[in-house]
Amino acid sequence: MEEKIFLIGIILIFAGILLTIISAFLSGSKKINFAFGGFIGPIPFGWATDYKYLIIILFLLLFSILIFFYLR
């Protein structure tokens, strides 16, 4: 079970990187907005270039915490 979850995580990371690269090439605008988030222990953190993206990334991080506690 743990090996499957690890494999799914790696696939999602590479899919996110690929989508980011594709969207950067397809967008013609000069301004690029992005958001980054992660966990240090149980504490979520995030950075973003726009307030809207920060709210989205924090919501996704909180959703991830809920899924983690539900599966545990």
PDB file of N, CA and C in Angstrom:
ATOM      1  N   MET A   1       0.821  -1.199   0.000  1.00  0.00           N
ATOM      2  CA  MET A   1       0.000   0.000   0.000  1.00  0.00           C
ATOM      3  C   MET A   1       0.864   1.261   0.000  1.00  0.00           C
ATOM      4  N   GLU A   2       1.919   1.275   0.833  1.00  0.00           N
ATOM      5  CA  GLU A   2       2.780   2.452   0.905  1.00  0.00           C
ATOM      6  C   GLU A   2       3.524   2.684  -0.401  1.00  0.00           C
ATOM      7  N   GLU A   3       3.883   1.595  -1.085  1.00  0.00           N
ATOM      8  CA  GLU A   3       4.591   1.739  -2.354  1.00  0.00           C
ATOM      9  C   GLU A   3       3.691   2.364  -3.412  1.00  0.00           C
ATOM     10  N   LYS A   4       2.402   2.019  -3.388  1.00  0.00           N
ATOM     11  CA  LYS A   4       1.454   2.592  -4.349  1.00  0.00           C
ATOM     12  C   LYS A   4       1.254   4.080  -4.090  1.00  0.00           C
ATOM     13  N   ILE A   5       1.150   4.455  -2.824  1.00  0.00           N
ATOM     14  CA  ILE A   5       0.975   5.865  -2.487  1.00  0.00           C
ATOM     15  C   ILE A   5       2.212   6.662  -2.880  1.00  0.00           C
ATOM     16  N   PHE A   6       3.394   6.086  -2.658  1.00  0.00           N
ATOM     17  CA  PHE A   6       4.631   6.745  -3.051  1.00  0.00           C
ATOM     18  C   PHE A   6       4.678   6.936  -4.564  1.00  0.00           C
ATOM     19  N   LEU A   7       4.305   5.907  -5.313  1.00  0.00           N
ATOM     20  CA  LEU A   7       4.301   5.993  -6.773  1.00  0.00           C
ATOM     21  C   LEU A   7       3.293   7.028  -7.266  1.00  0.00           C
ATOM     22  N   ILE A   8       2.120   7.080  -6.658  1.00  0.00           N
ATOM     23  CA  ILE A   8       1.118   8.081  -7.025  1.00  0.00           C
ATOM     24  C   ILE A   8       1.647   9.488  -6.747  1.00  0.00           C
ATOM     25  N   GLY A   9       2.328   9.670  -5.625  1.00  0.00           N
ATOM     26  CA  GLY A   9       2.896  10.971  -5.296  1.00  0.00           C
ATOM     27  C   GLY A   9       3.946  11.415  -6.305  1.00  0.00           C
ATOM     28  N   ILE A  10       4.814  10.513  -6.703  1.00  0.00           N
ATOM     29  CA  ILE A  10       5.850  10.838  -7.694  1.00  0.00           C
ATOM     30  C   ILE A  10       5.209  11.193  -9.033  1.00  0.00           C
ATOM     31  N   ILE A  11       4.203  10.425  -9.431  1.00  0.00           N
ATOM     32  CA  ILE A  11       3.510  10.704 -10.696  1.00  0.00           C
ATOM     33  C   ILE A  11       2.833  12.073 -10.653  1.00  0.00           C
ATOM     34  N   LEU A  12       2.206  12.418  -9.530  1.00  0.00           N
ATOM     35  CA  LEU A  12       1.554  13.720  -9.413  1.00  0.00           C
ATOM     36  C   LEU A  12       2.567  14.866  -9.447  1.00  0.00           C
ATOM     37  N   ILE A  13       3.720  14.671  -8.846  1.00  0.00           N
ATOM     38  CA  ILE A  13       4.751  15.709  -8.882  1.00  0.00           C
ATOM     39  C   ILE A  13       5.206  15.957 -10.311  1.00  0.00           C
ATOM     40  N   PHE A  14       5.509  14.887 -11.046  1.00  0.00           N
ATOM     41  CA  PHE A  14       5.955  15.049 -12.431  1.00  0.00           C
ATOM     42  C   PHE A  14       4.854  15.606 -13.323  1.00  0.00           C
ATOM     43  N   ALA A  15       3.590  15.227 -13.070  1.00  0.00           N
ATOM     44  CA  ALA A  15       2.482  15.774 -13.845  1.00  0.00           C
ATOM     45  C   ALA A  15       2.344  17.272 -13.595  1.00  0.00           C
ATOM     46  N   GLY A  16       2.519  17.708 -12.352  1.00  0.00           N
ATOM     47  CA  GLY A  16       2.450  19.132 -12.039  1.00  0.00           C
ATOM     48  C   GLY A  16       3.565  19.918 -12.693  1.00  0.00           C
ATOM     49  N   ILE A  17       4.764  19.369 -12.680  1.00  0.00           N
ATOM     50  CA  ILE A  17       5.886  20.043 -13.331  1.00  0.00           C
ATOM     51  C   ILE A  17       5.649  20.138 -14.832  1.00  0.00           C
ATOM     52  N   LEU A  18       5.168  19.065 -15.427  1.00  0.00           N
ATOM     53  CA  LEU A  18       4.898  19.058 -16.862  1.00  0.00           C
ATOM     54  C   LEU A  18       3.815  20.064 -17.229  1.00  0.00           C
ATOM     55  N   LEU A  19       2.739  20.126 -16.451  1.00  0.00           N
ATOM     56  CA  LEU A  19       1.670  21.093 -16.720  1.00  0.00           C
ATOM     57  C   LEU A  19       2.168  22.528 -16.582  1.00  0.00           C
ATOM     58  N   THR A  20       3.034  22.775 -15.615  1.00  0.00           N
ATOM     59  CA  THR A  20       3.590  24.107 -15.431  1.00  0.00           C
ATOM     60  C   THR A  20       4.438  24.513 -16.628  1.00  0.00           C
ATOM     61  N   ILE A  21       5.263  23.615 -17.106  1.00  0.00           N
ATOM     62  CA  ILE A  21       6.118  23.915 -18.262  1.00  0.00           C
ATOM     63  C   ILE A  21       5.274  24.145 -19.505  1.00  0.00           C
ATOM     64  N   ILE A  22       4.275  23.308 -19.731  1.00  0.00           N
ATOM     65  CA  ILE A  22       3.410  23.467 -20.905  1.00  0.00           C
ATOM     66  C   ILE A  22       2.655  24.782 -20.852  1.00  0.00           C
ATOM     67  N   SER A  23       2.104  25.133 -19.695  1.00  0.00           N
ATOM     68  CA  SER A  23       1.346  26.380 -19.591  1.00  0.00           C
ATOM     69  C   SER A  23       2.250  27.599 -19.758  1.00  0.00           C
ATOM     70  N   ALA A  24       3.501  27.504 -19.320  1.00  0.00           N
ATOM     71  CA  ALA A  24       4.430  28.619 -19.494  1.00  0.00           C
ATOM     72  C   ALA A  24       4.730  28.847 -20.971  1.00  0.00           C
ATOM     73  N   PHE A  25       4.854  27.772 -21.738  1.00  0.00           N
ATOM     74  CA  PHE A  25       5.114  27.923 -23.168  1.00  0.00           C
ATOM     75  C   PHE A  25       3.880  28.386 -23.935  1.00  0.00           C
ATOM     76  N   LEU A  26       2.691  27.989 -23.486  1.00  0.00           N
ATOM     77  CA  LEU A  26       1.469  28.341 -24.211  1.00  0.00           C
ATOM     78  C   LEU A  26       0.961  29.746 -23.895  1.00  0.00           C
ATOM     79  N   SER A  27       1.331  30.278 -22.741  1.00  0.00           N
ATOM     80  CA  SER A  27       0.859  31.623 -22.394  1.00  0.00           C
ATOM     81  C   SER A  27       1.732  32.649 -23.100  1.00  0.00           C
ATOM     82  N   GLY A  28       1.071  33.656 -23.641  1.00  0.00           N
ATOM     83  CA  GLY A  28       1.814  34.684 -24.349  1.00  0.00           C
ATOM     84  C   GLY A  28       2.100  35.899 -23.502  1.00  0.00           C
ATOM     85  N   SER A  29       1.577  35.931 -22.295  1.00  0.00           N
ATOM     86  CA  SER A  29       1.752  37.120 -21.462  1.00  0.00           C
ATOM     87  C   SER A  29       3.114  37.120 -20.778  1.00  0.00           C
ATOM     88  N   LYS A  30       3.559  38.293 -20.414  1.00  0.00           N
ATOM     89  CA  LYS A  30       4.845  38.444 -19.738  1.00  0.00           C
ATOM     90  C   LYS A  30       4.746  38.174 -18.239  1.00  0.00           C
ATOM     91  N   LYS A  31       3.563  38.456 -17.652  1.00  0.00           N
ATOM     92  CA  LYS A  31       3.390  38.287 -16.216  1.00  0.00           C
ATOM     93  C   LYS A  31       3.003  36.836 -15.916  1.00  0.00           C
ATOM     94  N   ILE A  32       3.755  36.212 -15.026  1.00  0.00           N
ATOM     95  CA  ILE A  32       3.497  34.831 -14.653  1.00  0.00           C
ATOM     96  C   ILE A  32       3.155  34.795 -13.170  1.00  0.00           C
ATOM     97  N   ASN A  33       2.009  34.226 -12.853  1.00  0.00           N
ATOM     98  CA  ASN A  33       1.595  34.056 -11.466  1.00  0.00           C
ATOM     99  C   ASN A  33       1.837  32.615 -11.060  1.00  0.00           C
ATOM    100  N   PHE A  34       2.268  32.425  -9.816  1.00  0.00           N
ATOM    101  CA  PHE A  34       2.499  31.075  -9.346  1.00  0.00           C
ATOM    102  C   PHE A  34       2.261  31.019  -7.847  1.00  0.00           C
ATOM    103  N   ALA A  35       2.119  29.799  -7.368  1.00  0.00           N
ATOM    104  CA  ALA A  35       1.983  29.562  -5.936  1.00  0.00           C
ATOM    105  C   ALA A  35       2.741  28.291  -5.599  1.00  0.00           C
ATOM    106  N   PHE A  36       3.279  28.266  -4.392  1.00  0.00           N
ATOM    107  CA  PHE A  36       4.039  27.121  -3.922  1.00  0.00           C
ATOM    108  C   PHE A  36       3.649  26.863  -2.480  1.00  0.00           C
ATOM    109  N   GLY A  37       3.470  25.618  -2.142  1.00  0.00           N
ATOM    110  CA  GLY A  37       3.133  25.282  -0.772  1.00  0.00           C
ATOM    111  C   GLY A  37       3.712  23.946  -0.382  1.00  0.00           C
ATOM    112  N   GLY A  38       3.777  23.726   0.901  1.00  0.00           N
ATOM    113  CA  GLY A  38       4.297  22.462   1.396  1.00  0.00           C
ATOM    114  C   GLY A  38       4.071  22.348   2.888  1.00  0.00           C
ATOM    115  N   PHE A  39       4.691  21.349   3.474  1.00  0.00           N
ATOM    116  CA  PHE A  39       4.541  21.102   4.898  1.00  0.00           C
ATOM    117  C   PHE A  39       5.915  21.030   5.547  1.00  0.00           C
ATOM    118  N   ILE A  40       6.018  21.624   6.711  1.00  0.00           N
ATOM    119  CA  ILE A  40       7.151  21.394   7.596  1.00  0.00           C
ATOM    120  C   ILE A  40       6.541  20.746   8.830  1.00  0.00           C
ATOM    121  N   GLY A  41       6.691  19.435   8.879  1.00  0.00           N
ATOM    122  CA  GLY A  41       5.995  18.689   9.922  1.00  0.00           C
ATOM    123  C   GLY A  41       4.500  18.782   9.661  1.00  0.00           C
ATOM    124  N   PRO A  42       3.717  19.150  10.661  1.00  0.00           N
ATOM    125  CA  PRO A  42       2.272  19.270  10.443  1.00  0.00           C
ATOM    126  C   PRO A  42       1.825  20.679  10.046  1.00  0.00           C
ATOM    127  N   ILE A  43       2.768  21.595   9.886  1.00  0.00           N
ATOM    128  CA  ILE A  43       2.433  22.993   9.645  1.00  0.00           C
ATOM    129  C   ILE A  43       2.506  23.305   8.144  1.00  0.00           C
ATOM    130  N   PRO A  44       1.377  23.740   7.556  1.00  0.00           N
ATOM    131  CA  PRO A  44       1.407  24.102   6.137  1.00  0.00           C
ATOM    132  C   PRO A  44       1.983  25.508   5.936  1.00  0.00           C
ATOM    133  N   PHE A  45       2.642  25.704   4.794  1.00  0.00           N
ATOM    134  CA  PHE A  45       3.154  27.027   4.445  1.00  0.00           C
ATOM    135  C   PHE A  45       2.950  27.231   2.954  1.00  0.00           C
ATOM    136  N   GLY A  46       2.950  28.483   2.543  1.00  0.00           N
ATOM    137  CA  GLY A  46       2.789  28.759   1.132  1.00  0.00           C
ATOM    138  C   GLY A  46       3.265  30.146   0.759  1.00  0.00           C
ATOM    139  N   TRP A  47       3.682  30.275  -0.482  1.00  0.00           N
ATOM    140  CA  TRP A  47       4.056  31.551  -1.086  1.00  0.00           C
ATOM    141  C   TRP A  47       3.309  31.671  -2.393  1.00  0.00           C
ATOM    142  N   ALA A  48       2.996  32.900  -2.772  1.00  0.00           N
ATOM    143  CA  ALA A  48       2.311  33.122  -4.042  1.00  0.00           C
ATOM    144  C   ALA A  48       2.596  34.539  -4.518  1.00  0.00           C
ATOM    145  N   THR A  49       2.441  34.737  -5.824  1.00  0.00           N
ATOM    146  CA  THR A  49       2.624  36.065  -6.387  1.00  0.00           C
ATOM    147  C   THR A  49       1.326  36.856  -6.385  1.00  0.00           C
ATOM    148  N   ASP A  50       0.225  36.197  -6.092  1.00  0.00           N
ATOM    149  CA  ASP A  50      -1.080  36.848  -6.082  1.00  0.00           C
ATOM    150  C   ASP A  50      -1.872  36.306  -4.892  1.00  0.00           C
ATOM    151  N   TYR A  51      -2.666  37.159  -4.276  1.00  0.00           N
ATOM    152  CA  TYR A  51      -3.441  36.769  -3.110  1.00  0.00           C
ATOM    153  C   TYR A  51      -4.403  35.630  -3.433  1.00  0.00           C
ATOM    154  N   LYS A  52      -4.984  35.654  -4.611  1.00  0.00           N
ATOM    155  CA  LYS A  52      -5.939  34.616  -5.028  1.00  0.00           C
ATOM    156  C   LYS A  52      -5.265  33.247  -5.064  1.00  0.00           C
ATOM    157  N   TYR A  53      -4.053  33.202  -5.563  1.00  0.00           N
ATOM    158  CA  TYR A  53      -3.325  31.940  -5.634  1.00  0.00           C
ATOM    159  C   TYR A  53      -2.920  31.447  -4.241  1.00  0.00           C
ATOM    160  N   LEU A  54      -2.620  32.370  -3.353  1.00  0.00           N
ATOM    161  CA  LEU A  54      -2.276  31.990  -1.984  1.00  0.00           C
ATOM    162  C   LEU A  54      -3.465  31.331  -1.288  1.00  0.00           C
ATOM    163  N   ILE A  55      -4.650  31.881  -1.467  1.00  0.00           N
ATOM    164  CA  ILE A  55      -5.851  31.290  -0.876  1.00  0.00           C
ATOM    165  C   ILE A  55      -6.085  29.890  -1.440  1.00  0.00           C
ATOM    166  N   ILE A  56      -5.886  29.725  -2.741  1.00  0.00           N
ATOM    167  CA  ILE A  56      -6.084  28.411  -3.366  1.00  0.00           C
ATOM    168  C   ILE A  56      -5.090  27.400  -2.828  1.00  0.00           C
ATOM    169  N   ILE A  57      -3.818  27.764  -2.731  1.00  0.00           N
ATOM    170  CA  ILE A  57      -2.805  26.810  -2.268  1.00  0.00           C
ATOM    171  C   ILE A  57      -3.017  26.463  -0.799  1.00  0.00           C
ATOM    172  N   LEU A  58      -3.416  27.422   0.024  1.00  0.00           N
ATOM    173  CA  LEU A  58      -3.679  27.116   1.426  1.00  0.00           C
ATOM    174  C   LEU A  58      -4.897  26.222   1.575  1.00  0.00           C
ATOM    175  N   PHE A  59      -5.914  26.420   0.749  1.00  0.00           N
ATOM    176  CA  PHE A  59      -7.077  25.540   0.771  1.00  0.00           C
ATOM    177  C   PHE A  59      -6.672  24.112   0.392  1.00  0.00           C
ATOM    178  N   LEU A  60      -5.837  23.973  -0.628  1.00  0.00           N
ATOM    179  CA  LEU A  60      -5.374  22.643  -1.033  1.00  0.00           C
ATOM    180  C   LEU A  60      -4.528  21.985   0.057  1.00  0.00           C
ATOM    181  N   LEU A  61      -3.728  22.765   0.752  1.00  0.00           N
ATOM    182  CA  LEU A  61      -2.921  22.218   1.841  1.00  0.00           C
ATOM    183  C   LEU A  61      -3.799  21.755   3.004  1.00  0.00           C
ATOM    184  N   LEU A  62      -4.801  22.536   3.344  1.00  0.00           N
ATOM    185  CA  LEU A  62      -5.707  22.133   4.416  1.00  0.00           C
ATOM    186  C   LEU A  62      -6.505  20.890   4.022  1.00  0.00           C
ATOM    187  N   PHE A  63      -6.889  20.817   2.757  1.00  0.00           N
ATOM    188  CA  PHE A  63      -7.576  19.628   2.255  1.00  0.00           C
ATOM    189  C   PHE A  63      -6.654  18.410   2.344  1.00  0.00           C
ATOM    190  N   SER A  64      -5.383  18.602   2.062  1.00  0.00           N
ATOM    191  CA  SER A  64      -4.408  17.507   2.155  1.00  0.00           C
ATOM    192  C   SER A  64      -4.265  17.024   3.598  1.00  0.00           C
ATOM    193  N   ILE A  65      -4.286  17.951   4.540  1.00  0.00           N
ATOM    194  CA  ILE A  65      -4.202  17.561   5.949  1.00  0.00           C
ATOM    195  C   ILE A  65      -5.410  16.731   6.339  1.00  0.00           C
ATOM    196  N   LEU A  66      -6.603  17.144   5.895  1.00  0.00           N
ATOM    197  CA  LEU A  66      -7.808  16.380   6.217  1.00  0.00           C
ATOM    198  C   LEU A  66      -7.754  14.971   5.620  1.00  0.00           C
ATOM    199  N   ILE A  67      -7.290  14.849   4.403  1.00  0.00           N
ATOM    200  CA  ILE A  67      -7.155  13.531   3.782  1.00  0.00           C
ATOM    201  C   ILE A  67      -6.141  12.684   4.537  1.00  0.00           C
ATOM    202  N   PHE A  68      -5.030  13.290   4.945  1.00  0.00           N
ATOM    203  CA  PHE A  68      -4.018  12.562   5.706  1.00  0.00           C
ATOM    204  C   PHE A  68      -4.591  12.013   7.006  1.00  0.00           C
ATOM    205  N   PHE A  69      -5.300  12.838   7.753  1.00  0.00           N
ATOM    206  CA  PHE A  69      -5.861  12.378   9.024  1.00  0.00           C
ATOM    207  C   PHE A  69      -6.972  11.355   8.808  1.00  0.00           C
ATOM    208  N   TYR A  70      -7.705  11.489   7.709  1.00  0.00           N
ATOM    209  CA  TYR A  70      -8.759  10.514   7.429  1.00  0.00           C
ATOM    210  C   TYR A  70      -8.159   9.143   7.086  1.00  0.00           C
ATOM    211  N   LEU A  71      -7.085   9.121   6.309  1.00  0.00           N
ATOM    212  CA  LEU A  71      -6.470   7.856   5.923  1.00  0.00           C
ATOM    213  C   LEU A  71      -5.643   7.236   7.034  1.00  0.00           C
ATOM    214  N   ARG A  72      -5.254   8.037   7.983  1.00  0.00           N
ATOM    215  CA  ARG A  72      -4.453   7.531   9.092  1.00  0.00           C
ATOM    216  C   ARG A  72      -5.362   6.883  10.086  1.00  0.00           C
TER     217      ARG A  72
END
